[in-house]
């Protein structure tokens, strides 16, 4: 299956200096994938020339005359920049010229433009941002929502559970992933009314729902998918990034404290490299904007070439494993069962 990925080359903290070489390496490693580099022609062309790369059937440049700033209000980007690299890349997905869009740009603008241009799948009220965090089992746990929806209804949290489960089923080939609902305790009586009602809906959704989970369960690997609203999810994500940075800084400080400590660092070099690789957030780069009528992947704004390449691979995996069809099919199956509940309410 030939897959085409539209790359927003102007997004992120580094723009074409990172996105173009990452796309070139991705195209070399994936001969069956085509890349469309979207953005300012002069800036993209300069990066291609610097690396001796030429365009062709599998690599082409699609011009866009505007760029969405990293701190630009989403509404301004949506209404005022209709020829931005972000908007044009998403338009290519809507038109069927690309199967996925990958951007390291402004998260709020990307979500707003994606939702406006692509719309949501039937049965989905709001798209959600899903990404992974490493766990103690040597794998990773999917968490959503990570910031797109601060206030959620019980029905929306249930939809997040379905979307997350279908993503895991498709990409990780785990047909019955365990889904947990993030709460302040595992007991059914814990949490606010929204969370309690969401738990009831998830129990009746047909998912492999294990009930409430707590924050440490994300890292224990208790569930494959952890559901929460965007306020909580974003706080968990940023706290996790902060802890990882603190641990790295503390290790460096301790191993340089004295000559004996530096010698210990040399002796432990192999273990330290393995630890660094396991905790390397770049390996997990690429958050999925689930619930849209198209594949959109958000890369971290500060991503380097390796990290942005991981986001490109995430987009390819979602297309190749038919994530959209799985979500739409599961929501269609749920609709007849949801109708009696809505009527009763």
Protein backbone atom coordinates (compact mmCIF):
# COMPACT_ATOMS: atom_id res chain seq x y z
CA UNK A 1 0.00 0.00 0.00
CA UNK A 2 1.44 3.35 -1.08
CA UNK A 3 0.98 5.97 1.65
CA UNK A 4 1.38 9.73 1.25
CA UNK A 5 2.22 11.89 4.26
CA UNK A 6 1.81 15.67 4.18
CA UNK A 7 4.53 17.31 6.29
CA UNK A 8 3.99 20.77 7.73
CA UNK A 9 7.60 21.84 7.28
CA UNK A 10 7.21 25.27 8.88
CA UNK A 11 5.87 24.15 12.26
CA UNK A 12 7.81 23.72 15.49
CA UNK A 13 10.66 25.58 17.13
CA UNK A 14 13.12 24.71 14.34
CA UNK A 15 11.00 24.59 11.18
CA UNK A 16 12.58 23.25 7.94
CA UNK A 17 15.99 22.75 9.60
CA UNK A 18 14.47 19.73 11.38
CA UNK A 19 11.36 18.77 9.43
CA UNK A 20 12.98 18.55 5.97
CA UNK A 21 15.97 16.31 6.90
CA UNK A 22 13.64 14.17 9.06
CA UNK A 23 11.31 13.73 6.09
CA UNK A 24 14.24 12.85 3.81
CA UNK A 25 15.48 10.17 6.22
CA UNK A 26 11.92 8.86 6.63
CA UNK A 27 11.51 8.62 2.85
CA UNK A 28 14.81 6.76 2.53
CA UNK A 29 13.81 4.26 5.20
CA UNK A 30 10.27 3.81 3.86
CA UNK A 31 10.45 3.34 0.05
CA UNK A 32 6.69 2.70 -0.11
CA UNK A 33 5.82 6.08 1.48
CA UNK A 34 5.54 9.37 -0.39
CA UNK A 35 6.21 12.72 1.31
CA UNK A 36 4.70 16.09 0.46
CA UNK A 37 6.74 18.92 1.96
CA UNK A 38 4.38 21.82 2.65
CA UNK A 39 5.58 25.35 3.35
CA UNK A 40 7.58 28.28 2.01
CA UNK A 41 9.21 27.07 -1.22
CA UNK A 42 12.43 29.05 -0.74
CA UNK A 43 13.01 27.76 2.81
CA UNK A 44 12.29 24.14 1.89
CA UNK A 45 14.35 24.39 -1.31
CA UNK A 46 17.35 25.71 0.62
CA UNK A 47 17.27 22.71 2.97
CA UNK A 48 16.93 20.28 0.07
CA UNK A 49 19.88 21.83 -1.77
CA UNK A 50 22.00 21.81 1.38
CA UNK A 51 21.52 18.04 1.57
CA UNK A 52 21.84 17.35 -2.15
CA UNK A 53 18.24 16.12 -2.32
CA UNK A 54 15.97 16.46 -5.32
CA UNK A 55 12.23 16.22 -5.70
CA UNK A 56 10.55 13.44 -7.64
CA UNK A 57 7.51 11.16 -7.68
CA UNK A 58 8.00 10.18 -4.03
CA UNK A 59 9.08 13.58 -2.72
CA UNK A 60 7.47 16.81 -3.79
CA UNK A 61 7.07 20.35 -2.49
CA UNK A 62 3.62 21.90 -2.10
CA UNK A 63 3.83 25.68 -1.61
CA UNK A 64 2.14 27.58 1.20
CA UNK A 65 2.64 31.32 1.67
CA UNK A 66 1.93 31.68 5.40
CA UNK A 67 3.19 30.26 8.69
CA UNK A 68 1.29 29.79 11.96
CA UNK A 69 3.30 31.10 14.90
CA UNK A 70 3.85 28.86 17.92
CA UNK A 71 2.13 31.39 20.21
CA UNK A 72 -0.54 32.49 17.75
CA UNK A 73 -4.18 32.34 18.94
CA UNK A 74 -5.95 29.36 17.30
CA UNK A 75 -8.88 31.49 16.12
CA UNK A 76 -6.51 33.89 14.37
CA UNK A 77 -4.69 31.02 12.67
CA UNK A 78 -7.99 29.47 11.59
CA UNK A 79 -9.63 32.58 10.19
CA UNK A 80 -6.71 34.71 9.11
CA UNK A 81 -4.20 32.29 7.59
CA UNK A 82 -5.96 30.12 5.06
CA UNK A 83 -2.74 29.51 3.14
CA UNK A 84 -0.62 28.53 6.12
CA UNK A 85 1.53 25.42 5.80
CA UNK A 86 -0.56 23.79 8.54
CA UNK A 87 -3.88 24.53 6.81
CA UNK A 88 -2.62 23.47 3.38
CA UNK A 89 -1.25 20.16 4.74
CA UNK A 90 -4.59 19.37 6.37
CA UNK A 91 -6.41 20.37 3.18
CA UNK A 92 -4.37 17.75 1.32
CA UNK A 93 -5.71 15.09 3.70
CA UNK A 94 -9.28 16.28 3.17
CA UNK A 95 -8.82 16.26 -0.61
CA UNK A 96 -7.44 12.70 -0.54
CA UNK A 97 -4.02 13.79 -1.85
CA UNK A 98 -2.42 12.70 1.44
CA UNK A 99 -3.35 9.98 3.92
CA UNK A 100 -1.94 11.76 6.99
CA UNK A 101 -0.66 15.13 8.14
CA UNK A 102 2.24 15.53 10.59
CA UNK A 103 2.99 18.89 12.20
CA UNK A 104 5.14 20.20 15.05
CA UNK A 105 3.26 23.49 15.03
CA UNK A 106 0.95 25.27 17.45
CA UNK A 107 -1.17 22.57 19.14
CA UNK A 108 -4.27 24.71 19.60
CA UNK A 109 -4.18 25.90 16.00
CA UNK A 110 -3.60 22.38 14.68
CA UNK A 111 -6.60 21.05 16.60
CA UNK A 112 -8.85 23.96 15.60
CA UNK A 113 -7.93 23.79 11.90
CA UNK A 114 -8.11 19.98 11.80
CA UNK A 115 -11.55 19.96 13.38
CA UNK A 116 -12.82 22.71 11.07
CA UNK A 117 -11.42 21.20 7.87
CA UNK A 118 -11.78 17.46 8.47
CA UNK A 119 -14.78 17.35 10.88
CA UNK A 120 -15.28 14.54 13.37
CA UNK A 121 -16.23 10.92 12.76
CA UNK A 122 -19.89 9.94 13.30
CA UNK A 123 -20.64 9.54 16.99
CA UNK A 124 -17.60 11.54 18.13
CA UNK A 125 -18.36 14.84 19.86
CA UNK A 126 -14.79 16.12 20.20
CA UNK A 127 -11.37 14.99 19.00
CA UNK A 128 -8.85 14.01 21.67
CA UNK A 129 -5.06 14.08 21.86
CA UNK A 130 -3.53 10.68 22.62
CA UNK A 131 0.09 9.81 23.27
CA UNK A 132 2.14 7.25 25.17
CA UNK A 133 4.13 7.18 28.40
CA UNK A 134 6.66 4.43 29.20
CA UNK A 135 5.68 1.89 31.87
CA UNK A 136 7.42 -0.61 34.15
CA UNK A 137 6.50 -3.56 31.92
CA UNK A 138 8.93 -2.39 29.26
CA UNK A 139 6.14 -1.06 27.03
CA UNK A 140 4.02 2.06 27.15
CA UNK A 141 0.59 3.25 28.22
CA UNK A 142 -1.66 5.34 25.98
CA UNK A 143 -3.21 8.35 27.71
CA UNK A 144 -5.98 10.60 26.41
CA UNK A 145 -7.03 13.38 26.42
CA UNK A 146 -3.79 15.32 26.85
CA UNK A 147 -5.12 18.84 26.58
CA UNK A 148 -7.66 19.31 23.80
CA UNK A 149 -10.75 19.20 26.04
CA UNK A 150 -10.56 20.75 29.50
CA UNK A 151 -14.20 20.06 30.41
CA UNK A 152 -15.69 16.73 29.31
CA UNK A 153 -19.03 15.01 29.65
CA UNK A 154 -19.30 11.34 30.67
CA UNK A 155 -20.20 10.48 27.07
CA UNK A 156 -17.07 12.17 25.75
CA UNK A 157 -14.86 10.30 28.22
CA UNK A 158 -16.46 7.06 27.04
CA UNK A 159 -15.73 8.06 23.44
CA UNK A 160 -12.10 8.70 24.39
CA UNK A 161 -11.94 5.16 25.78
CA UNK A 162 -13.25 3.72 22.51
CA UNK A 163 -10.88 5.78 20.37
CA UNK A 164 -7.88 4.86 22.53
CA UNK A 165 -8.77 1.17 22.50
CA UNK A 166 -9.18 1.13 18.72
CA UNK A 167 -5.82 2.90 18.30
CA UNK A 168 -4.08 0.24 20.40
CA UNK A 169 -5.93 -2.55 18.62
CA UNK A 170 -4.79 -1.21 15.25
CA UNK A 171 -1.22 -0.07 15.91
CA UNK A 172 -0.16 -2.60 18.57
CA UNK A 173 -2.35 -5.48 17.29
CA UNK A 174 -3.90 -5.93 20.73
CA UNK A 175 -7.56 -6.61 20.02
CA UNK A 176 -8.68 -6.42 23.67
CA UNK A 177 -6.62 -3.67 25.30
CA UNK A 178 -7.32 -2.95 28.95
CA UNK A 179 -8.95 0.47 29.45
CA UNK A 180 -8.83 2.34 32.77
CA UNK A 181 -10.43 5.59 33.92
CA UNK A 182 -8.07 7.93 35.76
CA UNK A 183 -9.44 8.79 39.20
CA UNK A 184 -8.34 9.75 42.71
CA UNK A 185 -8.90 6.17 43.87
CA UNK A 186 -9.79 2.76 42.49
CA UNK A 187 -13.04 2.48 44.48
CA UNK A 188 -16.30 3.06 42.60
CA UNK A 189 -17.39 5.69 45.12
CA UNK A 190 -14.37 7.92 44.37
CA UNK A 191 -14.36 10.86 41.99
CA UNK A 192 -16.87 13.45 40.86
CA UNK A 193 -20.20 12.71 39.21
CA UNK A 194 -18.78 13.06 35.70
CA UNK A 195 -16.18 10.38 36.34
CA UNK A 196 -18.68 8.08 38.06
CA UNK A 197 -21.10 8.34 35.13
CA UNK A 198 -18.26 7.83 32.65
CA UNK A 199 -17.31 4.62 34.48
CA UNK A 200 -20.88 3.34 34.12
CA UNK A 201 -20.83 4.10 30.39
CA UNK A 202 -17.46 2.42 29.91
CA UNK A 203 -18.69 -0.72 31.69
CA UNK A 204 -21.50 -0.97 29.17
CA UNK A 205 -19.40 -0.09 26.13
CA UNK A 206 -18.11 -3.58 25.40
CA UNK A 207 -14.53 -2.48 26.03
CA UNK A 208 -12.16 -4.43 28.27
CA UNK A 209 -12.72 -1.90 31.06
CA UNK A 210 -10.84 -2.54 34.32
CA UNK A 211 -12.44 0.31 36.28
CA UNK A 212 -10.76 3.23 38.00
CA UNK A 213 -6.98 3.58 37.99
CA UNK A 214 -4.70 6.03 39.76
CA UNK A 215 -1.80 8.08 38.43
CA UNK A 216 0.87 5.53 39.34
CA UNK A 217 -1.00 2.86 37.36
CA UNK A 218 0.03 4.67 34.17
CA UNK A 219 3.65 3.76 34.90
CA UNK A 220 2.88 0.34 36.36
CA UNK A 221 1.20 -0.63 33.08
CA UNK A 222 -2.05 -1.61 34.83
CA UNK A 223 -4.03 -0.55 31.75
CA UNK A 224 -3.11 -0.24 28.09
CA UNK A 225 -5.28 2.88 27.74
CA UNK A 226 -5.94 5.47 30.45
CA UNK A 227 -8.81 7.92 29.96
CA UNK A 228 -9.10 11.38 31.51
CA UNK A 229 -10.13 14.92 30.62
CA UNK A 230 -7.64 17.24 28.96
CA UNK A 231 -6.92 19.30 32.07
CA UNK A 232 -5.84 16.28 34.09
CA UNK A 233 -4.09 14.62 31.14
CA UNK A 234 -1.97 17.64 30.31
CA UNK A 235 -1.00 18.06 33.97
CA UNK A 236 0.07 14.39 34.10
CA UNK A 237 2.09 14.75 30.88
CA UNK A 238 3.93 17.91 31.94
CA UNK A 239 4.60 16.53 35.43
CA UNK A 240 6.01 13.35 33.86
CA UNK A 241 8.31 15.34 31.59
CA UNK A 242 9.48 17.38 34.57
CA UNK A 243 10.25 14.29 36.66
CA UNK A 244 12.22 12.73 33.79
CA UNK A 245 14.28 15.91 33.37
CA UNK A 246 14.89 16.11 37.12
CA UNK A 247 16.07 12.48 37.26
CA UNK A 248 18.46 13.05 34.36
CA UNK A 249 19.88 16.19 35.95
CA UNK A 250 20.23 14.47 39.34
CA UNK A 251 22.13 11.53 37.81
CA UNK A 252 24.52 13.85 35.98
CA UNK A 253 25.11 15.84 39.16
CA UNK A 254 25.80 12.77 41.30
CA UNK A 255 28.13 11.15 38.75
CA UNK A 256 30.24 14.33 38.48
CA UNK A 257 30.38 15.13 42.17
CA UNK A 258 33.86 13.61 42.76
CA UNK A 259 36.65 11.68 40.97
CA UNK A 260 35.30 8.45 42.43
CA UNK A 261 31.81 9.27 41.20
CA UNK A 262 33.17 9.97 37.69
CA UNK A 263 34.95 6.62 37.73
CA UNK A 264 31.68 4.98 38.76
CA UNK A 265 30.01 6.66 35.79
CA UNK A 266 32.58 5.09 33.45
CA UNK A 267 31.97 1.65 34.95
CA UNK A 268 28.19 2.11 34.73
CA UNK A 269 28.25 3.60 31.23
CA UNK A 270 26.46 0.64 29.61
CA UNK A 271 23.65 0.72 32.18
CA UNK A 272 23.35 4.50 31.94
CA UNK A 273 23.06 4.36 28.15
CA UNK A 274 20.32 1.73 28.40
CA UNK A 275 18.51 3.81 31.03
CA UNK A 276 18.76 6.94 28.90
CA UNK A 277 17.39 5.13 25.88
CA UNK A 278 14.50 3.67 27.85
CA UNK A 279 13.55 7.09 29.25
CA UNK A 280 14.23 9.01 26.03
CA UNK A 281 11.03 10.96 25.36
CA UNK A 282 11.99 11.34 21.70
CA UNK A 283 11.17 7.65 21.13
CA UNK A 284 7.55 8.37 22.07
CA UNK A 285 7.11 11.56 20.06
CA UNK A 286 3.94 11.90 18.06
CA UNK A 287 0.53 12.54 19.60
CA UNK A 288 -2.52 11.39 17.66
CA UNK A 289 -5.49 13.70 17.13
CA UNK A 290 -8.17 11.01 17.36
CA UNK A 291 -11.79 11.31 16.26
CA UNK A 292 -11.23 13.28 13.05
CA UNK A 293 -12.09 12.17 9.52
CA UNK A 294 -8.40 12.01 8.74
CA UNK A 295 -5.07 11.12 10.36
CA UNK A 296 -3.31 14.06 12.03
CA UNK A 297 -0.23 13.62 14.24
CA UNK A 298 1.20 16.35 16.47
CA UNK A 299 4.95 16.33 17.05
CA UNK A 300 6.48 18.09 20.02
CA UNK A 301 7.47 21.62 19.03
CA UNK A 302 11.06 21.18 20.22
CA UNK A 303 11.54 17.83 18.41
CA UNK A 304 14.86 17.12 16.75
CA UNK A 305 15.25 15.09 13.54
CA UNK A 306 15.00 11.74 15.31
CA UNK A 307 11.92 12.72 17.31
CA UNK A 308 10.12 14.22 14.30
CA UNK A 309 10.89 11.05 12.36
CA UNK A 310 9.09 9.08 15.09
CA UNK A 311 6.02 11.26 14.58
CA UNK A 312 6.14 10.56 10.84
CA UNK A 313 6.25 6.83 11.59
CA UNK A 314 3.27 7.20 13.92
CA UNK A 315 1.26 8.75 11.09
CA UNK A 316 2.25 5.97 8.70
CA UNK A 317 1.33 3.27 11.24
CA UNK A 318 -2.12 4.74 11.82
CA UNK A 319 -2.84 4.86 8.10
CA UNK A 320 -1.47 1.39 7.40
CA UNK A 321 -3.45 -0.15 10.25
CA UNK A 322 -6.71 1.59 9.37
CA UNK A 323 -7.33 3.39 12.65
CA UNK A 324 -10.12 5.57 11.22
CA UNK A 325 -12.15 2.59 10.04
CA UNK A 326 -11.78 0.84 13.38
CA UNK A 327 -13.01 3.85 15.35
CA UNK A 328 -15.92 4.50 12.98
CA UNK A 329 -16.95 0.84 13.03
CA UNK A 330 -16.86 0.64 16.83
CA UNK A 331 -18.90 3.83 17.19
CA UNK A 332 -21.47 2.48 14.71
CA UNK A 333 -21.75 -0.73 16.72
CA UNK A 334 -22.27 1.28 19.89
CA UNK A 335 -24.95 3.58 18.45
CA UNK A 336 -27.94 1.15 18.73
CA UNK A 337 -27.08 0.43 22.37
CA UNK A 338 -26.64 4.12 23.17
CA UNK A 339 -30.08 5.08 21.78
CA UNK A 340 -32.12 3.44 24.59
CA UNK A 341 -29.91 5.12 27.21
CA UNK A 342 -30.43 8.52 25.58
CA UNK A 343 -34.19 7.97 25.42
CA UNK A 344 -34.28 6.97 29.07
CA UNK A 345 -32.27 10.03 30.06
